[in-house]
Structure formats: structure tokens, C-alpha cells
């Protein structure tokens, strides 16, 4: 799964939603990453935090009945690695080159 921060238009999108073996983010443009994330997360150096509920809604739209179970497995794996915030409401995501 890949998050796209479109900094020139301050928008956020998700692609490769069936691939739950990886989660990364790519910033497109020269604008402000935090503005592109809006209320859905926060930039933290070379990482960002994304709201799990937003990601589930944005990526899960139109997916088959098995998709939520796979998503929950991805979140559980991330939690086991310490890649969630203390409340378990956000995932830590690294930025990849565009």
C-alpha cells in the first residue's frame, strides 16, 4: 500500500491497496507535506503518522469482503513492531523516493 502526498494541491491519496505486505509514502511536488496530510496525520522527519481509521476508509472503499481482515492483520503486524502510536490510532509510515 502506498500513500501519495500531493503537496502542490494539498491532497492525499492511496494506491496499491491490495498490497498489505508494505506501507510507504511518496511526496509529490515541492509544497508542504503537512498540508497534504491535513487532519489525517502528521509529518515526523523522514516518517509520517497516518490515522488508521482514515486509511481503512480511503483504501478499503470498493474492496472485497476479505480486505478488512487483511488490513487488520497489517495493523497488528505494525503494532507488534512498535509502528503505532501509544493509543493505537496511527501508523508510522516511512517516506520513499518519488
PDB file of N, CA and C in Angstrom:
ATOM      1  N   UNK A   1       0.849  -1.159   0.000  1.00  0.00           N
ATOM      2  CA  UNK A   1       0.000   0.000   0.000  1.00  0.00           C
ATOM      3  C   UNK A   1       0.903   1.233   0.000  1.00  0.00           C
ATOM      4  N   UNK A   2       0.483   2.217  -0.770  1.00  0.00           N
ATOM      5  CA  UNK A   2       1.310   3.429  -0.892  1.00  0.00           C
ATOM      6  C   UNK A   2       0.426   4.664  -0.734  1.00  0.00           C
ATOM      7  N   UNK A   3       0.900   5.579   0.114  1.00  0.00           N
ATOM      8  CA  UNK A   3       0.249   6.868   0.301  1.00  0.00           C
ATOM      9  C   UNK A   3       0.934   7.888  -0.591  1.00  0.00           C
ATOM     10  N   UNK A   4       0.147   8.750  -1.196  1.00  0.00           N
ATOM     11  CA  UNK A   4       0.676   9.799  -2.066  1.00  0.00           C
ATOM     12  C   UNK A   4       0.281  11.150  -1.490  1.00  0.00           C
ATOM     13  N   UNK A   5       1.280  11.925  -1.095  1.00  0.00           N
ATOM     14  CA  UNK A   5       1.050  13.282  -0.621  1.00  0.00           C
ATOM     15  C   UNK A   5       1.292  14.215  -1.798  1.00  0.00           C
ATOM     16  N   UNK A   6       0.238  14.789  -2.306  1.00  0.00           N
ATOM     17  CA  UNK A   6       0.318  15.704  -3.435  1.00  0.00           C
ATOM     18  C   UNK A   6       0.456  17.113  -2.849  1.00  0.00           C
ATOM     19  N   UNK A   7       1.708  17.523  -2.673  1.00  0.00           N
ATOM     20  CA  UNK A   7       1.954  18.750  -1.928  1.00  0.00           C
ATOM     21  C   UNK A   7       1.543  20.010  -2.677  1.00  0.00           C
ATOM     22  N   UNK A   8       1.543  19.975  -3.990  1.00  0.00           N
ATOM     23  CA  UNK A   8       1.159  21.164  -4.760  1.00  0.00           C
ATOM     24  C   UNK A   8      -0.345  21.438  -4.680  1.00  0.00           C
ATOM     25  N   UNK A   9      -1.124  20.383  -4.445  1.00  0.00           N
ATOM     26  CA  UNK A   9      -2.576  20.547  -4.344  1.00  0.00           C
ATOM     27  C   UNK A   9      -3.097  20.276  -2.934  1.00  0.00           C
ATOM     28  N   UNK A  10      -2.183  19.966  -1.995  1.00  0.00           N
ATOM     29  CA  UNK A  10      -2.537  19.681  -0.595  1.00  0.00           C
ATOM     30  C   UNK A  10      -3.597  18.591  -0.503  1.00  0.00           C
ATOM     31  N   UNK A  11      -3.343  17.474  -1.222  1.00  0.00           N
ATOM     32  CA  UNK A  11      -4.261  16.336  -1.178  1.00  0.00           C
ATOM     33  C   UNK A  11      -3.496  15.059  -0.872  1.00  0.00           C
ATOM     34  N   UNK A  12      -4.232  14.041  -0.478  1.00  0.00           N
ATOM     35  CA  UNK A  12      -3.676  12.758  -0.081  1.00  0.00           C
ATOM     36  C   UNK A  12      -4.470  11.659  -0.762  1.00  0.00           C
ATOM     37  N   UNK A  13      -3.766  10.655  -1.309  1.00  0.00           N
ATOM     38  CA  UNK A  13      -4.449   9.526  -1.937  1.00  0.00           C
ATOM     39  C   UNK A  13      -3.713   8.242  -1.595  1.00  0.00           C
ATOM     40  N   UNK A  14      -4.345   7.105  -1.909  1.00  0.00           N
ATOM     41  CA  UNK A  14      -3.793   5.781  -1.609  1.00  0.00           C
ATOM     42  C   UNK A  14      -3.830   4.942  -2.879  1.00  0.00           C
ATOM     43  N   UNK A  15      -2.759   4.181  -3.120  1.00  0.00           N
ATOM     44  CA  UNK A  15      -2.742   3.250  -4.247  1.00  0.00           C
ATOM     45  C   UNK A  15      -2.229   1.899  -3.760  1.00  0.00           C
ATOM     46  N   UNK A  16      -2.297   0.919  -4.650  1.00  0.00           N
ATOM     47  CA  UNK A  16      -1.814  -0.434  -4.357  1.00  0.00           C
ATOM     48  C   UNK A  16      -2.439  -0.968  -3.063  1.00  0.00           C
ATOM     49  N   UNK A  17      -3.743  -0.767  -2.935  1.00  0.00           N
ATOM     50  CA  UNK A  17      -4.433  -1.075  -1.681  1.00  0.00           C
ATOM     51  C   UNK A  17      -4.526  -2.570  -1.374  1.00  0.00           C
ATOM     52  N   UNK A  18      -4.318  -3.427  -2.351  1.00  0.00           N
ATOM     53  CA  UNK A  18      -4.349  -4.865  -2.102  1.00  0.00           C
ATOM     54  C   UNK A  18      -3.017  -5.379  -1.562  1.00  0.00           C
ATOM     55  N   UNK A  19      -1.960  -4.581  -1.697  1.00  0.00           N
ATOM     56  CA  UNK A  19      -0.629  -4.975  -1.233  1.00  0.00           C
ATOM     57  C   UNK A  19      -0.460  -4.539   0.222  1.00  0.00           C
ATOM     58  N   UNK A  20      -0.739  -5.451   1.125  1.00  0.00           N
ATOM     59  CA  UNK A  20      -0.623  -5.140   2.549  1.00  0.00           C
ATOM     60  C   UNK A  20       0.652  -5.693   3.155  1.00  0.00           C
ATOM     61  N   UNK A  21       1.594  -6.048   2.306  1.00  0.00           N
ATOM     62  CA  UNK A  21       2.908  -6.504   2.771  1.00  0.00           C
ATOM     63  C   UNK A  21       3.854  -5.329   2.986  1.00  0.00           C
ATOM     64  N   UNK A  22       3.469  -4.140   2.503  1.00  0.00           N
ATOM     65  CA  UNK A  22       4.307  -2.954   2.699  1.00  0.00           C
ATOM     66  C   UNK A  22       3.399  -1.735   2.807  1.00  0.00           C
ATOM     67  N   UNK A  23       3.928  -0.709   3.447  1.00  0.00           N
ATOM     68  CA  UNK A  23       3.226   0.556   3.559  1.00  0.00           C
ATOM     69  C   UNK A  23       4.273   1.657   3.549  1.00  0.00           C
ATOM     70  N   UNK A  24       4.198   2.515   2.544  1.00  0.00           N
ATOM     71  CA  UNK A  24       5.120   3.635   2.473  1.00  0.00           C
ATOM     72  C   UNK A  24       4.395   4.842   1.922  1.00  0.00           C
ATOM     73  N   UNK A  25       5.103   5.961   1.898  1.00  0.00           N
ATOM     74  CA  UNK A  25       4.523   7.213   1.406  1.00  0.00           C
ATOM     75  C   UNK A  25       5.492   7.866   0.436  1.00  0.00           C
ATOM     76  N   UNK A  26       4.928   8.554  -0.535  1.00  0.00           N
ATOM     77  CA  UNK A  26       5.707   9.310  -1.504  1.00  0.00           C
ATOM     78  C   UNK A  26       5.139  10.719  -1.548  1.00  0.00           C
ATOM     79  N   UNK A  27       6.026  11.704  -1.466  1.00  0.00           N
ATOM     80  CA  UNK A  27       5.604  13.100  -1.599  1.00  0.00           C
ATOM     81  C   UNK A  27       5.821  13.539  -3.040  1.00  0.00           C
ATOM     82  N   UNK A  28       4.803  14.112  -3.627  1.00  0.00           N
ATOM     83  CA  UNK A  28       4.856  14.624  -4.992  1.00  0.00           C
ATOM     84  C   UNK A  28       4.766  16.142  -4.930  1.00  0.00           C
ATOM     85  N   UNK A  29       5.693  16.828  -5.553  1.00  0.00           N
ATOM     86  CA  UNK A  29       5.686  18.279  -5.556  1.00  0.00           C
ATOM     87  C   UNK A  29       6.613  18.860  -4.504  1.00  0.00           C
ATOM     88  N   UNK A  30       6.684  20.168  -4.499  1.00  0.00           N
ATOM     89  CA  UNK A  30       7.597  20.867  -3.597  1.00  0.00           C
ATOM     90  C   UNK A  30       6.882  21.580  -2.465  1.00  0.00           C
ATOM     91  N   UNK A  31       5.593  21.324  -2.286  1.00  0.00           N
ATOM     92  CA  UNK A  31       4.818  22.002  -1.251  1.00  0.00           C
ATOM     93  C   UNK A  31       4.997  21.373   0.120  1.00  0.00           C
ATOM     94  N   UNK A  32       4.120  21.752   1.013  1.00  0.00           N
ATOM     95  CA  UNK A  32       4.163  21.351   2.413  1.00  0.00           C
ATOM     96  C   UNK A  32       3.523  19.970   2.613  1.00  0.00           C
ATOM     97  N   UNK A  33       4.300  19.011   3.106  1.00  0.00           N
ATOM     98  CA  UNK A  33       3.774  17.667   3.348  1.00  0.00           C
ATOM     99  C   UNK A  33       2.665  17.686   4.394  1.00  0.00           C
ATOM    100  N   UNK A  34       2.843  18.485   5.434  1.00  0.00           N
ATOM    101  CA  UNK A  34       1.832  18.545   6.494  1.00  0.00           C
ATOM    102  C   UNK A  34       0.495  19.043   5.954  1.00  0.00           C
ATOM    103  N   UNK A  35       0.532  19.988   5.036  1.00  0.00           N
ATOM    104  CA  UNK A  35      -0.711  20.495   4.435  1.00  0.00           C
ATOM    105  C   UNK A  35      -1.399  19.404   3.626  1.00  0.00           C
ATOM    106  N   UNK A  36      -0.623  18.581   2.941  1.00  0.00           N
ATOM    107  CA  UNK A  36      -1.206  17.483   2.164  1.00  0.00           C
ATOM    108  C   UNK A  36      -1.845  16.442   3.081  1.00  0.00           C
ATOM    109  N   UNK A  37      -1.242  16.206   4.239  1.00  0.00           N
ATOM    110  CA  UNK A  37      -1.811  15.257   5.203  1.00  0.00           C
ATOM    111  C   UNK A  37      -3.074  15.795   5.849  1.00  0.00           C
ATOM    112  N   UNK A  38      -3.125  17.090   6.040  1.00  0.00           N
ATOM    113  CA  UNK A  38      -4.289  17.694   6.689  1.00  0.00           C
ATOM    114  C   UNK A  38      -4.512  17.112   8.067  1.00  0.00           C
ATOM    115  N   UNK A  39      -5.750  16.802   8.370  1.00  0.00           N
ATOM    116  CA  UNK A  39      -6.118  16.259   9.681  1.00  0.00           C
ATOM    117  C   UNK A  39      -5.908  14.753   9.775  1.00  0.00           C
ATOM    118  N   UNK A  40      -5.366  14.127   8.717  1.00  0.00           N
ATOM    119  CA  UNK A  40      -5.248  12.670   8.679  1.00  0.00           C
ATOM    120  C   UNK A  40      -3.941  12.141   9.255  1.00  0.00           C
ATOM    121  N   UNK A  41      -3.048  13.025   9.664  1.00  0.00           N
ATOM    122  CA  UNK A  41      -1.779  12.568  10.207  1.00  0.00           C
ATOM    123  C   UNK A  41      -0.839  13.712  10.475  1.00  0.00           C
ATOM    124  N   UNK A  42       0.431  13.351  10.648  1.00  0.00           N
ATOM    125  CA  UNK A  42       1.453  14.355  10.958  1.00  0.00           C
ATOM    126  C   UNK A  42       2.785  13.907  10.371  1.00  0.00           C
ATOM    127  N   UNK A  43       3.579  14.883   9.947  1.00  0.00           N
ATOM    128  CA  UNK A  43       4.928  14.606   9.458  1.00  0.00           C
ATOM    129  C   UNK A  43       5.873  14.579  10.653  1.00  0.00           C
ATOM    130  N   UNK A  44       6.785  13.600  10.650  1.00  0.00           N
ATOM    131  CA  UNK A  44       7.742  13.435  11.740  1.00  0.00           C
ATOM    132  C   UNK A  44       9.096  13.084  11.132  1.00  0.00           C
ATOM    133  N   UNK A  45       9.803  14.087  10.599  1.00  0.00           N
ATOM    134  CA  UNK A  45      11.105  13.857   9.969  1.00  0.00           C
ATOM    135  C   UNK A  45      10.966  13.032   8.710  1.00  0.00           C
ATOM    136  N   UNK A  46      11.676  11.898   8.669  1.00  0.00           N
ATOM    137  CA  UNK A  46      11.617  11.025   7.494  1.00  0.00           C
ATOM    138  C   UNK A  46      10.421  10.074   7.532  1.00  0.00           C
ATOM    139  N   UNK A  47       9.566  10.254   8.511  1.00  0.00           N
ATOM    140  CA  UNK A  47       8.359   9.435   8.669  1.00  0.00           C
ATOM    141  C   UNK A  47       7.133  10.335   8.702  1.00  0.00           C
ATOM    142  N   UNK A  48       6.001   9.692   8.650  1.00  0.00           N
ATOM    143  CA  UNK A  48       4.740  10.373   8.895  1.00  0.00           C
ATOM    144  C   UNK A  48       3.872   9.433   9.707  1.00  0.00           C
ATOM    145  N   UNK A  49       2.903   9.969  10.366  1.00  0.00           N
ATOM    146  CA  UNK A  49       1.904   9.194  11.094  1.00  0.00           C
ATOM    147  C   UNK A  49       0.581   9.371  10.359  1.00  0.00           C
ATOM    148  N   UNK A  50      -0.094   8.258  10.078  1.00  0.00           N
ATOM    149  CA  UNK A  50      -1.367   8.313   9.360  1.00  0.00           C
ATOM    150  C   UNK A  50      -2.459   7.716  10.240  1.00  0.00           C
ATOM    151  N   UNK A  51      -3.601   8.346  10.231  1.00  0.00           N
ATOM    152  CA  UNK A  51      -4.743   7.885  11.011  1.00  0.00           C
ATOM    153  C   UNK A  51      -5.251   6.557  10.443  1.00  0.00           C
ATOM    154  N   UNK A  52      -5.299   5.536  11.283  1.00  0.00           N
ATOM    155  CA  UNK A  52      -5.695   4.197  10.841  1.00  0.00           C
ATOM    156  C   UNK A  52      -7.127   4.182  10.320  1.00  0.00           C
ATOM    157  N   UNK A  53      -8.032   4.871  10.994  1.00  0.00           N
ATOM    158  CA  UNK A  53      -9.432   4.886  10.551  1.00  0.00           C
ATOM    159  C   UNK A  53      -9.559   5.530   9.177  1.00  0.00           C
ATOM    160  N   UNK A  54      -8.828   6.634   8.954  1.00  0.00           N
ATOM    161  CA  UNK A  54      -8.877   7.267   7.633  1.00  0.00           C
ATOM    162  C   UNK A  54      -8.328   6.325   6.567  1.00  0.00           C
ATOM    163  N   UNK A  55      -7.206   5.686   6.863  1.00  0.00           N
ATOM    164  CA  UNK A  55      -6.584   4.783   5.891  1.00  0.00           C
ATOM    165  C   UNK A  55      -7.511   3.622   5.568  1.00  0.00           C
ATOM    166  N   UNK A  56      -8.151   3.062   6.584  1.00  0.00           N
ATOM    167  CA  UNK A  56      -9.098   1.959   6.349  1.00  0.00           C
ATOM    168  C   UNK A  56     -10.217   2.414   5.412  1.00  0.00           C
ATOM    169  N   UNK A  57     -10.772   3.583   5.662  1.00  0.00           N
ATOM    170  CA  UNK A  57     -11.866   4.088   4.825  1.00  0.00           C
ATOM    171  C   UNK A  57     -11.395   4.400   3.409  1.00  0.00           C
ATOM    172  N   UNK A  58     -10.267   5.086   3.300  1.00  0.00           N
ATOM    173  CA  UNK A  58      -9.774   5.515   1.982  1.00  0.00           C
ATOM    174  C   UNK A  58      -9.329   4.333   1.133  1.00  0.00           C
ATOM    175  N   UNK A  59      -8.649   3.377   1.730  1.00  0.00           N
ATOM    176  CA  UNK A  59      -8.116   2.247   0.970  1.00  0.00           C
ATOM    177  C   UNK A  59      -9.134   1.127   0.800  1.00  0.00           C
ATOM    178  N   UNK A  60     -10.047   0.986   1.730  1.00  0.00           N
ATOM    179  CA  UNK A  60     -10.971  -0.142   1.712  1.00  0.00           C
ATOM    180  C   UNK A  60     -12.201   0.039   0.858  1.00  0.00           C
ATOM    181  N   UNK A  61     -12.431   1.249   0.389  1.00  0.00           N
ATOM    182  CA  UNK A  61     -13.629   1.504  -0.422  1.00  0.00           C
ATOM    183  C   UNK A  61     -13.627   0.616  -1.667  1.00  0.00           C
ATOM    184  N   UNK A  62     -14.686  -0.161  -1.827  1.00  0.00           N
ATOM    185  CA  UNK A  62     -14.838  -0.995  -3.015  1.00  0.00           C
ATOM    186  C   UNK A  62     -14.059  -2.297  -2.995  1.00  0.00           C
ATOM    187  N   UNK A  63     -13.417  -2.618  -1.888  1.00  0.00           N
ATOM    188  CA  UNK A  63     -12.644  -3.861  -1.817  1.00  0.00           C
ATOM    189  C   UNK A  63     -13.554  -5.039  -1.462  1.00  0.00           C
ATOM    190  N   UNK A  64     -13.060  -6.260  -1.643  1.00  0.00           N
ATOM    191  CA  UNK A  64     -13.869  -7.436  -1.361  1.00  0.00           C
ATOM    192  C   UNK A  64     -14.016  -7.661   0.145  1.00  0.00           C
ATOM    193  N   UNK A  65     -14.841  -8.643   0.500  1.00  0.00           N
ATOM    194  CA  UNK A  65     -15.184  -8.902   1.903  1.00  0.00           C
ATOM    195  C   UNK A  65     -13.981  -9.346   2.737  1.00  0.00           C
ATOM    196  N   UNK A  66     -12.933  -9.886   2.110  1.00  0.00           N
ATOM    197  CA  UNK A  66     -11.757 -10.343   2.846  1.00  0.00           C
ATOM    198  C   UNK A  66     -10.776  -9.205   3.143  1.00  0.00           C
ATOM    199  N   UNK A  67     -10.922  -8.076   2.477  1.00  0.00           N
ATOM    200  CA  UNK A  67      -9.968  -6.990   2.624  1.00  0.00           C
ATOM    201  C   UNK A  67      -9.827  -6.491   4.065  1.00  0.00           C
ATOM    202  N   UNK A  68     -10.914  -6.261   4.814  1.00  0.00           N
ATOM    203  CA  UNK A  68     -10.757  -5.761   6.182  1.00  0.00           C
ATOM    204  C   UNK A  68      -9.907  -6.680   7.071  1.00  0.00           C
ATOM    205  N   UNK A  69     -10.020  -7.984   6.881  1.00  0.00           N
ATOM    206  CA  UNK A  69      -9.216  -8.915   7.672  1.00  0.00           C
ATOM    207  C   UNK A  69      -7.732  -8.753   7.343  1.00  0.00           C
ATOM    208  N   UNK A  70      -7.407  -8.587   6.076  1.00  0.00           N
ATOM    209  CA  UNK A  70      -6.024  -8.355   5.687  1.00  0.00           C
ATOM    210  C   UNK A  70      -5.495  -7.044   6.237  1.00  0.00           C
ATOM    211  N   UNK A  71      -6.333  -6.008   6.208  1.00  0.00           N
ATOM    212  CA  UNK A  71      -5.940  -4.707   6.746  1.00  0.00           C
ATOM    213  C   UNK A  71      -5.677  -4.813   8.250  1.00  0.00           C
ATOM    214  N   UNK A  72      -6.575  -5.486   8.955  1.00  0.00           N
ATOM    215  CA  UNK A  72      -6.384  -5.666  10.400  1.00  0.00           C
ATOM    216  C   UNK A  72      -5.098  -6.431  10.696  1.00  0.00           C
ATOM    217  N   UNK A  73      -4.765  -7.403   9.851  1.00  0.00           N
ATOM    218  CA  UNK A  73      -3.514  -8.142  10.011  1.00  0.00           C
ATOM    219  C   UNK A  73      -2.301  -7.247   9.809  1.00  0.00           C
ATOM    220  N   UNK A  74      -2.374  -6.341   8.832  1.00  0.00           N
ATOM    221  CA  UNK A  74      -1.286  -5.401   8.587  1.00  0.00           C
ATOM    222  C   UNK A  74      -1.102  -4.476   9.783  1.00  0.00           C
ATOM    223  N   UNK A  75      -2.200  -3.991  10.340  1.00  0.00           N
ATOM    224  CA  UNK A  75      -2.131  -3.102  11.505  1.00  0.00           C
ATOM    225  C   UNK A  75      -1.573  -3.860  12.710  1.00  0.00           C
ATOM    226  N   UNK A  76      -1.995  -5.092  12.911  1.00  0.00           N
ATOM    227  CA  UNK A  76      -1.490  -5.894  14.027  1.00  0.00           C
ATOM    228  C   UNK A  76       0.009  -6.143  13.887  1.00  0.00           C
ATOM    229  N   UNK A  77       0.462  -6.422  12.679  1.00  0.00           N
ATOM    230  CA  UNK A  77       1.891  -6.615  12.438  1.00  0.00           C
ATOM    231  C   UNK A  77       2.656  -5.342  12.783  1.00  0.00           C
ATOM    232  N   UNK A  78       2.151  -4.203  12.318  1.00  0.00           N
ATOM    233  CA  UNK A  78       2.799  -2.919  12.602  1.00  0.00           C
ATOM    234  C   UNK A  78       2.837  -2.654  14.107  1.00  0.00           C
ATOM    235  N   UNK A  79       1.756  -2.954  14.790  1.00  0.00           N
ATOM    236  CA  UNK A  79       1.715  -2.754  16.241  1.00  0.00           C
ATOM    237  C   UNK A  79       2.760  -3.616  16.939  1.00  0.00           C
ATOM    238  N   UNK A  80       2.924  -4.843  16.470  1.00  0.00           N
ATOM    239  CA  UNK A  80       3.920  -5.741  17.048  1.00  0.00           C
ATOM    240  C   UNK A  80       5.348  -5.257  16.855  1.00  0.00           C
ATOM    241  N   UNK A  81       5.568  -4.458  15.827  1.00  0.00           N
ATOM    242  CA  UNK A  81       6.894  -3.894  15.548  1.00  0.00           C
ATOM    243  C   UNK A  81       7.091  -2.532  16.219  1.00  0.00           C
ATOM    244  N   UNK A  82       6.059  -2.028  16.898  1.00  0.00           N
ATOM    245  CA  UNK A  82       6.154  -0.721  17.526  1.00  0.00           C
ATOM    246  C   UNK A  82       5.899   0.429  16.576  1.00  0.00           C
ATOM    247  N   UNK A  83       5.213   0.166  15.472  1.00  0.00           N
ATOM    248  CA  UNK A  83       4.982   1.172  14.442  1.00  0.00           C
ATOM    249  C   UNK A  83       3.604   1.818  14.552  1.00  0.00           C
ATOM    250  N   UNK A  84       3.035   1.796  15.754  1.00  0.00           N
ATOM    251  CA  UNK A  84       1.788   2.510  16.007  1.00  0.00           C
ATOM    252  C   UNK A  84       2.027   3.485  17.154  1.00  0.00           C
ATOM    253  N   UNK A  85       1.177   4.495  17.227  1.00  0.00           N
ATOM    254  CA  UNK A  85       1.294   5.424  18.344  1.00  0.00           C
ATOM    255  C   UNK A  85       0.786   4.745  19.623  1.00  0.00           C
ATOM    256  N   UNK A  86       1.022   5.321  20.793  1.00  0.00           N
ATOM    257  CA  UNK A  86       0.604   4.677  22.046  1.00  0.00           C
ATOM    258  C   UNK A  86      -0.894   4.386  22.134  1.00  0.00           C
ATOM    259  N   UNK A  87      -1.720   5.182  21.484  1.00  0.00           N
ATOM    260  CA  UNK A  87      -3.164   4.943  21.514  1.00  0.00           C
ATOM    261  C   UNK A  87      -3.613   3.895  20.501  1.00  0.00           C
ATOM    262  N   UNK A  88      -2.720   3.512  19.592  1.00  0.00           N
ATOM    263  CA  UNK A  88      -3.074   2.540  18.560  1.00  0.00           C
ATOM    264  C   UNK A  88      -3.986   3.109  17.492  1.00  0.00           C
ATOM    265  N   UNK A  89      -3.953   4.426  17.304  1.00  0.00           N
ATOM    266  CA  UNK A  89      -4.839   5.069  16.331  1.00  0.00           C
ATOM    267  C   UNK A  89      -4.112   5.527  15.077  1.00  0.00           C
ATOM    268  N   UNK A  90      -2.768   5.484  15.086  1.00  0.00           N
ATOM    269  CA  UNK A  90      -1.992   5.928  13.931  1.00  0.00           C
ATOM    270  C   UNK A  90      -0.880   4.936  13.629  1.00  0.00           C
ATOM    271  N   UNK A  91      -0.531   4.838  12.355  1.00  0.00           N
ATOM    272  CA  UNK A  91       0.586   4.014  11.889  1.00  0.00           C
ATOM    273  C   UNK A  91       1.748   4.905  11.482  1.00  0.00           C
ATOM    274  N   UNK A  92       2.953   4.460  11.787  1.00  0.00           N
ATOM    275  CA  UNK A  92       4.146   5.169  11.325  1.00  0.00           C
ATOM    276  C   UNK A  92       4.480   4.671   9.931  1.00  0.00           C
ATOM    277  N   UNK A  93       4.716   5.601   9.019  1.00  0.00           N
ATOM    278  CA  UNK A  93       4.970   5.286   7.615  1.00  0.00           C
ATOM    279  C   UNK A  93       6.230   6.007   7.193  1.00  0.00           C
ATOM    280  N   UNK A  94       7.127   5.304   6.487  1.00  0.00           N
ATOM    281  CA  UNK A  94       8.345   5.954   6.013  1.00  0.00           C
ATOM    282  C   UNK A  94       8.119   6.541   4.613  1.00  0.00           C
ATOM    283  N   UNK A  95       8.861   7.600   4.346  1.00  0.00           N
ATOM    284  CA  UNK A  95       8.823   8.208   3.018  1.00  0.00           C
ATOM    285  C   UNK A  95       9.802   7.489   2.107  1.00  0.00           C
ATOM    286  N   UNK A  96       9.359   7.166   0.914  1.00  0.00           N
ATOM    287  CA  UNK A  96      10.200   6.575  -0.129  1.00  0.00           C
ATOM    288  C   UNK A  96      10.460   7.639  -1.196  1.00  0.00           C
ATOM    289  N   UNK A  97      11.516   7.474  -1.957  1.00  0.00           N
ATOM    290  CA  UNK A  97      11.743   8.417  -3.062  1.00  0.00           C
ATOM    291  C   UNK A  97      10.607   8.349  -4.079  1.00  0.00           C
ATOM    292  N   UNK A  98      10.322   9.478  -4.700  1.00  0.00           N
ATOM    293  CA  UNK A  98       9.236   9.517  -5.708  1.00  0.00           C
ATOM    294  C   UNK A  98       9.665   8.798  -6.970  1.00  0.00           C
TER     295      UNK A  98
END
